[in-house]
Amino acid sequence: MYNSSNLSSNDIINNYKDVCERIKAAAKSVNRDPASINLIVVTKTFNSSAFLPLIELGHRNFGENKVQEAENKWTPIMEDVKDIHLHLIGHLQTNKVKKAVELFHTIHTIDSSKRIRELTKHLHLSTAVCRKFFLELNMADEPQKTGLSQNQLEDVWRLIDELGISGFSGLMCIPPYGEAPSPYFALLKKIADKFDMQHLSMGMSSDFEEAVQFGATHVRVGSEIFGVRA
């Protein structure tokens, strides 16, 4: 149903260790504490044979794009490994919010007032485990992408305050493909500072080192560890 990596377990482990070292070096280059940066290993489309070696190694932060895929793959694993921290990094549909808050511990892609209002219906349930949320920004207002525009953020932040939802402490973005990411990372950091948000989810396999240098607290890395997806 899902893909196996074309890399061996040893290659995957070595790639993971290399990414960790690169994060550490990028952090030290700007006098940041490497321990303040969370590496989210992105496992979308890969089956468990690819990422079980990393769990055995002690890694616990993993990211998935789709609620159904995550439920199928991770539910049996999390029954055995209780301290897995699962991150939703793909688009969240309104009809998937209830299941998402029961499965994921952090959601990085809250992108509308509609989704925020839907959250309030489910966060009080005893089955809800999600307690951390990021607002996703569409930095360049790209029509093919989801995410809030910058001029929507103030109204959305006011709504969060009115509804009394705790746990919104970060911003997330994906810079436009083919453009230098650094200006977008710098801008996201500036916006986060303005709204007193502590966490920044930015940076993927191609640009996570730059993201760290511009203040990322969460980087989302998959192909640099598992190889190119089929």
C-alpha atoms as a PDB file:
ATOM      1  CA  MET A   1       0.000   0.000   0.000  1.00  0.00           C
ATOM      2  CA  TYR A   2       2.887   2.345   0.796  1.00  0.00           C
ATOM      3  CA  ASN A   3       6.412   2.558  -0.587  1.00  0.00           C
ATOM      4  CA  SER A   4       9.563   0.998   0.752  1.00  0.00           C
ATOM      5  CA  SER A   5      12.638   3.186   0.653  1.00  0.00           C
ATOM      6  CA  ASN A   6      15.194   2.178  -1.972  1.00  0.00           C
ATOM      7  CA  LEU A   7      17.849   2.724   0.701  1.00  0.00           C
ATOM      8  CA  SER A   8      19.068   0.210   3.251  1.00  0.00           C
ATOM      9  CA  SER A   9      18.359   0.669   6.953  1.00  0.00           C
ATOM     10  CA  ASN A  10      22.012   1.581   7.467  1.00  0.00           C
ATOM     11  CA  ASP A  11      21.815   4.239   4.754  1.00  0.00           C
ATOM     12  CA  ILE A  12      18.647   5.676   6.319  1.00  0.00           C
ATOM     13  CA  ILE A  13      20.271   5.806   9.750  1.00  0.00           C
ATOM     14  CA  ASN A  14      23.418   7.424   8.344  1.00  0.00           C
ATOM     15  CA  ASN A  15      21.335  10.004   6.452  1.00  0.00           C
ATOM     16  CA  TYR A  16      19.380  10.762   9.614  1.00  0.00           C
ATOM     17  CA  LYS A  17      22.565  11.265  11.609  1.00  0.00           C
ATOM     18  CA  ASP A  18      23.935  13.510   8.854  1.00  0.00           C
ATOM     19  CA  VAL A  19      20.777  15.666   8.914  1.00  0.00           C
ATOM     20  CA  CYS A  20      21.080  15.960  12.706  1.00  0.00           C
ATOM     21  CA  GLU A  21      24.686  17.099  12.365  1.00  0.00           C
ATOM     22  CA  ARG A  22      23.758  19.628   9.677  1.00  0.00           C
ATOM     23  CA  ILE A  23      21.025  21.039  11.913  1.00  0.00           C
ATOM     24  CA  LYS A  24      23.530  21.313  14.746  1.00  0.00           C
ATOM     25  CA  ALA A  25      26.073  23.097  12.532  1.00  0.00           C
ATOM     26  CA  ALA A  26      23.470  25.510  11.138  1.00  0.00           C
ATOM     27  CA  ALA A  27      22.288  26.342  14.645  1.00  0.00           C
ATOM     28  CA  LYS A  28      25.788  26.944  15.944  1.00  0.00           C
ATOM     29  CA  SER A  29      26.572  29.197  12.969  1.00  0.00           C
ATOM     30  CA  VAL A  30      24.007  31.699  14.295  1.00  0.00           C
ATOM     31  CA  ASN A  31      24.611  31.046  17.994  1.00  0.00           C
ATOM     32  CA  ARG A  32      21.453  29.019  18.514  1.00  0.00           C
ATOM     33  CA  ASP A  33      21.067  26.028  20.792  1.00  0.00           C
ATOM     34  CA  PRO A  34      20.647  22.945  18.547  1.00  0.00           C
ATOM     35  CA  ALA A  35      18.429  21.419  21.215  1.00  0.00           C
ATOM     36  CA  SER A  36      15.829  24.135  20.502  1.00  0.00           C
ATOM     37  CA  ILE A  37      15.210  22.717  17.014  1.00  0.00           C
ATOM     38  CA  ASN A  38      12.803  19.830  16.458  1.00  0.00           C
ATOM     39  CA  LEU A  39      13.526  17.525  13.542  1.00  0.00           C
ATOM     40  CA  ILE A  40      10.252  16.197  12.160  1.00  0.00           C
ATOM     41  CA  VAL A  41      11.041  13.113  10.081  1.00  0.00           C
ATOM     42  CA  VAL A  42       8.473  13.092   7.260  1.00  0.00           C
ATOM     43  CA  THR A  43       7.232   9.572   6.609  1.00  0.00           C
ATOM     44  CA  LYS A  44       4.447  10.258   4.100  1.00  0.00           C
ATOM     45  CA  THR A  45       4.109   7.505   1.453  1.00  0.00           C
ATOM     46  CA  PHE A  46       6.714   5.298   3.178  1.00  0.00           C
ATOM     47  CA  ASN A  47       5.846   2.083   4.958  1.00  0.00           C
ATOM     48  CA  SER A  48       7.064   1.243   8.441  1.00  0.00           C
ATOM     49  CA  SER A  49      10.118  -0.677   7.248  1.00  0.00           C
ATOM     50  CA  ALA A  50      11.663   2.675   6.306  1.00  0.00           C
ATOM     51  CA  PHE A  51      11.199   4.457   9.633  1.00  0.00           C
ATOM     52  CA  LEU A  52      11.180   1.713  12.268  1.00  0.00           C
ATOM     53  CA  PRO A  53      15.006   1.828  12.420  1.00  0.00           C
ATOM     54  CA  LEU A  54      14.763   5.484  13.456  1.00  0.00           C
ATOM     55  CA  ILE A  55      12.253   4.662  16.185  1.00  0.00           C
ATOM     56  CA  GLU A  56      14.641   1.984  17.441  1.00  0.00           C
ATOM     57  CA  LEU A  57      17.388   4.610  17.376  1.00  0.00           C
ATOM     58  CA  GLY A  58      15.271   6.792  19.670  1.00  0.00           C
ATOM     59  CA  HIS A  59      13.724   9.358  17.322  1.00  0.00           C
ATOM     60  CA  ARG A  60      10.156  10.278  18.249  1.00  0.00           C
ATOM     61  CA  ASN A  61       8.957  13.244  16.083  1.00  0.00           C
ATOM     62  CA  PHE A  62       7.362  12.163  12.806  1.00  0.00           C
ATOM     63  CA  GLY A  63       5.240  13.963  10.203  1.00  0.00           C
ATOM     64  CA  GLU A  64       2.452  12.820   7.907  1.00  0.00           C
ATOM     65  CA  ASN A  65       0.454  14.648   5.235  1.00  0.00           C
ATOM     66  CA  LYS A  66      -2.823  12.753   5.336  1.00  0.00           C
ATOM     67  CA  VAL A  67      -5.019  11.800   8.262  1.00  0.00           C
ATOM     68  CA  GLN A  68      -6.125   8.430   6.867  1.00  0.00           C
ATOM     69  CA  GLU A  69      -2.614   7.354   5.931  1.00  0.00           C
ATOM     70  CA  ALA A  70      -1.325   8.326   9.362  1.00  0.00           C
ATOM     71  CA  GLU A  71      -4.113   6.430  11.093  1.00  0.00           C
ATOM     72  CA  ASN A  72      -3.414   3.256   9.126  1.00  0.00           C
ATOM     73  CA  LYS A  73       0.349   3.363   9.609  1.00  0.00           C
ATOM     74  CA  TRP A  74       0.830   4.831  13.059  1.00  0.00           C
ATOM     75  CA  THR A  75      -2.029   3.574  15.231  1.00  0.00           C
ATOM     76  CA  PRO A  76      -0.521   0.094  15.753  1.00  0.00           C
ATOM     77  CA  ILE A  77       2.965   1.548  16.275  1.00  0.00           C
ATOM     78  CA  MET A  78       1.806   4.082  18.853  1.00  0.00           C
ATOM     79  CA  GLU A  79       0.060   1.348  20.813  1.00  0.00           C
ATOM     80  CA  ASP A  80       3.535  -0.081  21.476  1.00  0.00           C
ATOM     81  CA  VAL A  81       5.658   3.087  21.484  1.00  0.00           C
ATOM     82  CA  LYS A  82       3.772   5.490  23.722  1.00  0.00           C
ATOM     83  CA  ASP A  83       5.988   8.567  23.360  1.00  0.00           C
ATOM     84  CA  ILE A  84       5.759   9.031  19.588  1.00  0.00           C
ATOM     85  CA  HIS A  85       4.866  12.641  18.761  1.00  0.00           C
ATOM     86  CA  LEU A  86       2.956  12.762  15.478  1.00  0.00           C
ATOM     87  CA  HIS A  87       2.720  15.977  13.434  1.00  0.00           C
ATOM     88  CA  LEU A  88       0.166  16.741  10.714  1.00  0.00           C
ATOM     89  CA  ILE A  89       2.000  18.753   8.064  1.00  0.00           C
ATOM     90  CA  GLY A  90      -0.449  18.399   5.166  1.00  0.00           C
ATOM     91  CA  HIS A  91      -3.713  20.174   4.434  1.00  0.00           C
ATOM     92  CA  LEU A  92      -6.451  19.521   6.983  1.00  0.00           C
ATOM     93  CA  GLN A  93      -9.977  19.147   5.646  1.00  0.00           C
ATOM     94  CA  THR A  94     -12.809  20.268   7.906  1.00  0.00           C
ATOM     95  CA  ASN A  95     -14.389  16.814   7.935  1.00  0.00           C
ATOM     96  CA  LYS A  96     -11.087  15.341   9.173  1.00  0.00           C
ATOM     97  CA  VAL A  97     -10.602  17.675  12.152  1.00  0.00           C
ATOM     98  CA  LYS A  98     -12.096  15.321  14.749  1.00  0.00           C
ATOM     99  CA  LYS A  99      -9.938  12.391  13.684  1.00  0.00           C
ATOM    100  CA  ALA A 100      -6.881  14.645  13.400  1.00  0.00           C
ATOM    101  CA  VAL A 101      -7.107  15.872  16.994  1.00  0.00           C
ATOM    102  CA  GLU A 102      -7.499  12.270  18.160  1.00  0.00           C
ATOM    103  CA  LEU A 103      -4.405  11.101  16.279  1.00  0.00           C
ATOM    104  CA  PHE A 104      -1.920  13.955  15.957  1.00  0.00           C
ATOM    105  CA  HIS A 105      -0.175  15.714  18.809  1.00  0.00           C
ATOM    106  CA  THR A 106       0.650  18.835  16.754  1.00  0.00           C
ATOM    107  CA  ILE A 107      -1.144  20.254  13.696  1.00  0.00           C
ATOM    108  CA  HIS A 108       0.938  22.595  11.543  1.00  0.00           C
ATOM    109  CA  THR A 109      -1.650  23.527   8.923  1.00  0.00           C
ATOM    110  CA  ILE A 110      -4.565  25.415  10.451  1.00  0.00           C
ATOM    111  CA  ASP A 111      -5.458  27.728   7.589  1.00  0.00           C
ATOM    112  CA  SER A 112      -8.913  29.231   8.106  1.00  0.00           C
ATOM    113  CA  SER A 113     -11.430  30.523  10.617  1.00  0.00           C
ATOM    114  CA  LYS A 114     -13.665  27.626   9.586  1.00  0.00           C
ATOM    115  CA  ARG A 115     -11.061  25.089  10.698  1.00  0.00           C
ATOM    116  CA  ILE A 116     -10.492  26.954  13.962  1.00  0.00           C
ATOM    117  CA  ARG A 117     -14.204  26.933  14.782  1.00  0.00           C
ATOM    118  CA  GLU A 118     -14.333  23.220  13.994  1.00  0.00           C
ATOM    119  CA  LEU A 119     -11.465  22.612  16.418  1.00  0.00           C
ATOM    120  CA  THR A 120     -13.519  24.030  19.274  1.00  0.00           C
ATOM    121  CA  LYS A 121     -16.088  21.248  18.784  1.00  0.00           C
ATOM    122  CA  HIS A 122     -13.572  18.484  19.450  1.00  0.00           C
ATOM    123  CA  LEU A 123     -10.726  19.674  21.676  1.00  0.00           C
ATOM    124  CA  HIS A 124     -12.714  19.007  24.857  1.00  0.00           C
ATOM    125  CA  LEU A 125     -13.320  15.354  23.982  1.00  0.00           C
ATOM    126  CA  SER A 126     -11.570  12.763  26.123  1.00  0.00           C
ATOM    127  CA  THR A 127     -10.185  11.186  22.947  1.00  0.00           C
ATOM    128  CA  ALA A 128      -8.423  14.382  21.813  1.00  0.00           C
ATOM    129  CA  VAL A 129      -4.630  14.313  22.160  1.00  0.00           C
ATOM    130  CA  CYS A 130      -3.675  17.348  20.061  1.00  0.00           C
ATOM    131  CA  ARG A 131      -2.591  20.342  22.121  1.00  0.00           C
ATOM    132  CA  LYS A 132      -0.258  22.283  19.803  1.00  0.00           C
ATOM    133  CA  PHE A 133      -1.219  24.231  16.684  1.00  0.00           C
ATOM    134  CA  PHE A 134       0.464  26.280  13.978  1.00  0.00           C
ATOM    135  CA  LEU A 135      -1.219  28.738  11.650  1.00  0.00           C
ATOM    136  CA  GLU A 136      -0.185  28.112   8.049  1.00  0.00           C
ATOM    137  CA  LEU A 137       0.604  31.211   6.010  1.00  0.00           C
ATOM    138  CA  ASN A 138       0.566  31.412   2.217  1.00  0.00           C
ATOM    139  CA  MET A 139       3.471  33.847   2.086  1.00  0.00           C
ATOM    140  CA  ALA A 140       3.251  34.723  -1.586  1.00  0.00           C
ATOM    141  CA  ASP A 141      -0.543  34.368  -1.925  1.00  0.00           C
ATOM    142  CA  GLU A 142      -0.098  31.514  -4.394  1.00  0.00           C
ATOM    143  CA  PRO A 143      -3.558  30.479  -5.665  1.00  0.00           C
ATOM    144  CA  GLN A 144      -2.655  26.776  -5.829  1.00  0.00           C
ATOM    145  CA  LYS A 145      -1.646  26.671  -2.158  1.00  0.00           C
ATOM    146  CA  THR A 146      -3.637  26.648   1.041  1.00  0.00           C
ATOM    147  CA  GLY A 147      -2.806  28.954   3.920  1.00  0.00           C
ATOM    148  CA  LEU A 148      -3.822  32.294   5.352  1.00  0.00           C
ATOM    149  CA  SER A 149      -2.754  35.485   3.682  1.00  0.00           C
ATOM    150  CA  GLN A 150      -0.768  37.860   5.846  1.00  0.00           C
ATOM    151  CA  ASN A 151      -3.636  40.350   6.020  1.00  0.00           C
ATOM    152  CA  GLN A 152      -5.943  37.674   7.474  1.00  0.00           C
ATOM    153  CA  LEU A 153      -3.695  36.858  10.385  1.00  0.00           C
ATOM    154  CA  GLU A 154      -4.783  39.608  12.736  1.00  0.00           C
ATOM    155  CA  ASP A 155      -8.478  38.709  12.452  1.00  0.00           C
ATOM    156  CA  VAL A 156      -7.742  35.009  12.885  1.00  0.00           C
ATOM    157  CA  TRP A 157      -5.582  35.657  15.925  1.00  0.00           C
ATOM    158  CA  ARG A 158      -8.416  37.726  17.421  1.00  0.00           C
ATOM    159  CA  LEU A 159     -10.827  34.821  16.799  1.00  0.00           C
ATOM    160  CA  ILE A 160      -8.493  32.383  18.573  1.00  0.00           C
ATOM    161  CA  ASP A 161      -8.407  34.721  21.544  1.00  0.00           C
ATOM    162  CA  GLU A 162     -12.198  35.132  21.565  1.00  0.00           C
ATOM    163  CA  LEU A 163     -12.737  31.366  21.458  1.00  0.00           C
ATOM    164  CA  GLY A 164     -10.191  30.857  24.218  1.00  0.00           C
ATOM    165  CA  ILE A 165      -8.223  28.172  22.396  1.00  0.00           C
ATOM    166  CA  SER A 166      -4.826  27.547  23.918  1.00  0.00           C
ATOM    167  CA  GLY A 167      -1.930  25.915  22.080  1.00  0.00           C
ATOM    168  CA  PHE A 168      -1.604  28.261  19.107  1.00  0.00           C
ATOM    169  CA  SER A 169       2.047  29.195  19.437  1.00  0.00           C
ATOM    170  CA  GLY A 170       3.528  28.975  15.968  1.00  0.00           C
ATOM    171  CA  LEU A 171       3.482  29.803  12.266  1.00  0.00           C
ATOM    172  CA  MET A 172       4.180  27.498   9.340  1.00  0.00           C
ATOM    173  CA  CYS A 173       5.082  28.203   5.713  1.00  0.00           C
ATOM    174  CA  ILE A 174       6.318  26.631   2.493  1.00  0.00           C
ATOM    175  CA  PRO A 175       8.163  29.207   0.330  1.00  0.00           C
ATOM    176  CA  PRO A 176       7.296  29.379  -3.379  1.00  0.00           C
ATOM    177  CA  TYR A 177       8.980  26.700  -5.445  1.00  0.00           C
ATOM    178  CA  GLY A 178      11.947  27.973  -7.437  1.00  0.00           C
ATOM    179  CA  GLU A 179      12.482  31.081  -5.344  1.00  0.00           C
ATOM    180  CA  ALA A 180      15.128  31.730  -2.718  1.00  0.00           C
ATOM    181  CA  PRO A 181      13.545  30.685   0.581  1.00  0.00           C
ATOM    182  CA  SER A 182      15.519  32.969   2.884  1.00  0.00           C
ATOM    183  CA  PRO A 183      13.412  36.128   2.411  1.00  0.00           C
ATOM    184  CA  TYR A 184      10.274  34.143   3.250  1.00  0.00           C
ATOM    185  CA  PHE A 185      11.885  32.593   6.311  1.00  0.00           C
ATOM    186  CA  ALA A 186      12.996  36.028   7.500  1.00  0.00           C
ATOM    187  CA  LEU A 187       9.521  37.438   6.957  1.00  0.00           C
ATOM    188  CA  LEU A 188       7.832  34.570   8.829  1.00  0.00           C
ATOM    189  CA  LYS A 189      10.170  35.184  11.758  1.00  0.00           C
ATOM    190  CA  LYS A 190       9.285  38.897  11.713  1.00  0.00           C
ATOM    191  CA  ILE A 191       5.547  38.118  11.704  1.00  0.00           C
ATOM    192  CA  ALA A 192       5.954  35.577  14.509  1.00  0.00           C
ATOM    193  CA  ASP A 193       7.768  38.148  16.622  1.00  0.00           C
ATOM    194  CA  LYS A 194       4.993  40.667  16.004  1.00  0.00           C
ATOM    195  CA  PHE A 195       2.347  38.243  17.298  1.00  0.00           C
ATOM    196  CA  ASP A 196       4.595  36.887  20.054  1.00  0.00           C
ATOM    197  CA  MET A 197       4.612  33.371  18.604  1.00  0.00           C
ATOM    198  CA  GLN A 198       7.503  31.236  19.788  1.00  0.00           C
ATOM    199  CA  HIS A 199       7.569  28.483  17.177  1.00  0.00           C
ATOM    200  CA  LEU A 200       8.324  28.455  13.466  1.00  0.00           C
ATOM    201  CA  SER A 201       7.680  25.403  11.288  1.00  0.00           C
ATOM    202  CA  MET A 202       9.717  26.055   8.165  1.00  0.00           C
ATOM    203  CA  GLY A 203      12.391  24.304   6.152  1.00  0.00           C
ATOM    204  CA  MET A 204      12.320  20.991   4.296  1.00  0.00           C
ATOM    205  CA  SER A 205      14.923  18.697   2.758  1.00  0.00           C
ATOM    206  CA  SER A 206      16.206  21.305   0.318  1.00  0.00           C
ATOM    207  CA  ASP A 207      16.432  24.272   2.676  1.00  0.00           C
ATOM    208  CA  PHE A 208      16.280  23.207   6.328  1.00  0.00           C
ATOM    209  CA  GLU A 209      19.721  24.590   7.131  1.00  0.00           C
ATOM    210  CA  GLU A 210      18.728  28.068   5.948  1.00  0.00           C
ATOM    211  CA  ALA A 211      15.487  27.761   7.907  1.00  0.00           C
ATOM    212  CA  VAL A 212      17.426  26.998  11.084  1.00  0.00           C
ATOM    213  CA  GLN A 213      19.603  30.058  10.516  1.00  0.00           C
ATOM    214  CA  PHE A 214      16.481  32.206  10.229  1.00  0.00           C
ATOM    215  CA  GLY A 215      14.869  30.885  13.406  1.00  0.00           C
ATOM    216  CA  ALA A 216      13.047  27.636  12.602  1.00  0.00           C
ATOM    217  CA  THR A 217      12.090  25.633  15.679  1.00  0.00           C
ATOM    218  CA  HIS A 218      10.622  22.759  13.619  1.00  0.00           C
ATOM    219  CA  VAL A 219      12.086  21.504  10.325  1.00  0.00           C
ATOM    220  CA  ARG A 220      10.340  18.893   8.178  1.00  0.00           C
ATOM    221  CA  VAL A 221      12.755  16.503   6.467  1.00  0.00           C
ATOM    222  CA  GLY A 222      11.910  13.366   4.497  1.00  0.00           C
ATOM    223  CA  SER A 223      13.747  12.740   1.230  1.00  0.00           C
ATOM    224  CA  GLU A 224      17.154  13.665   2.648  1.00  0.00           C
ATOM    225  CA  ILE A 225      16.708  10.725   5.004  1.00  0.00           C
ATOM    226  CA  PHE A 226      14.688   8.146   3.045  1.00  0.00           C
ATOM    227  CA  GLY A 227      15.660   9.022  -0.520  1.00  0.00           C
ATOM    228  CA  VAL A 228      13.471  10.224  -3.366  1.00  0.00           C
ATOM    229  CA  ARG A 229       9.862   9.078  -3.230  1.00  0.00           C
ATOM    230  CA  ALA A 230       8.620   6.835  -6.029  1.00  0.00           C
END
